[in-house]
Amino acid sequence: MEKHHRFSIWYVLLGVWVVLIAQSYLSSLFAHQVISYSQFLSLLKESKIR
């Protein structure tokens, strides 16, 4: 008995979806937060910035 593997576009779409979700998650981990200069100064006075 031979098993025939069938190609399905759903596997490709699922794979692309998983890659996009993973890329979105990883890019959010390494994103930089933009703060105002006044907020920077207040954090500096509170010694919350090294």
Protein backbone atom coordinates (compact mmCIF):
# COMPACT_ATOMS: atom_id res chain seq x y z
CA MET A 1 0.00 0.00 0.00
CA GLU A 2 1.36 3.37 -0.99
CA LYS A 3 0.52 6.56 0.84
CA HIS A 4 -0.05 9.57 -1.36
CA HIS A 5 0.67 12.94 0.18
CA ARG A 6 -1.58 15.70 -1.03
CA PHE A 7 -0.38 19.28 -1.23
CA SER A 8 -2.80 21.73 0.30
CA ILE A 9 -2.74 25.51 0.07
CA TRP A 10 -4.03 25.60 3.65
CA TYR A 11 -0.68 24.33 4.93
CA VAL A 12 1.08 27.15 3.12
CA LEU A 13 -1.35 29.76 4.45
CA LEU A 14 -1.02 28.37 7.97
CA GLY A 15 2.78 28.48 7.72
CA VAL A 16 2.75 32.08 6.47
CA TRP A 17 0.35 33.07 9.25
CA VAL A 18 2.57 31.48 11.93
CA VAL A 19 5.65 33.23 10.56
CA LEU A 20 3.88 36.60 10.53
CA ILE A 21 2.66 36.16 14.12
CA ALA A 22 6.14 35.16 15.28
CA GLN A 23 7.73 38.11 13.47
CA SER A 24 5.24 40.52 14.99
CA TYR A 25 5.87 39.16 18.48
CA LEU A 26 9.65 39.29 18.13
CA SER A 27 9.66 42.81 16.70
CA SER A 28 7.53 44.04 19.62
CA LEU A 29 10.12 42.63 22.06
CA PHE A 30 12.91 44.70 20.53
CA ALA A 31 10.95 47.90 19.88
CA HIS A 32 12.27 51.15 21.31
CA GLN A 33 10.01 53.35 23.37
CA VAL A 34 10.05 57.06 22.54
CA ILE A 35 9.68 59.40 25.51
CA SER A 36 9.66 63.16 25.78
CA TYR A 37 12.68 65.09 27.00
CA SER A 38 10.84 66.27 30.11
CA GLN A 39 9.94 62.69 30.97
CA PHE A 40 13.57 61.74 30.45
CA LEU A 41 14.68 64.46 32.86
CA SER A 42 12.19 63.39 35.51
CA LEU A 43 13.31 59.76 35.23
CA LEU A 44 16.91 60.93 35.50
CA LYS A 45 16.13 62.89 38.70
CA GLU A 46 14.41 59.83 40.17
CA SER A 47 17.51 57.71 39.36
CA LYS A 48 15.46 55.32 37.26
CA ILE A 49 17.89 55.62 34.36
CA ARG A 50 21.36 54.14 34.47
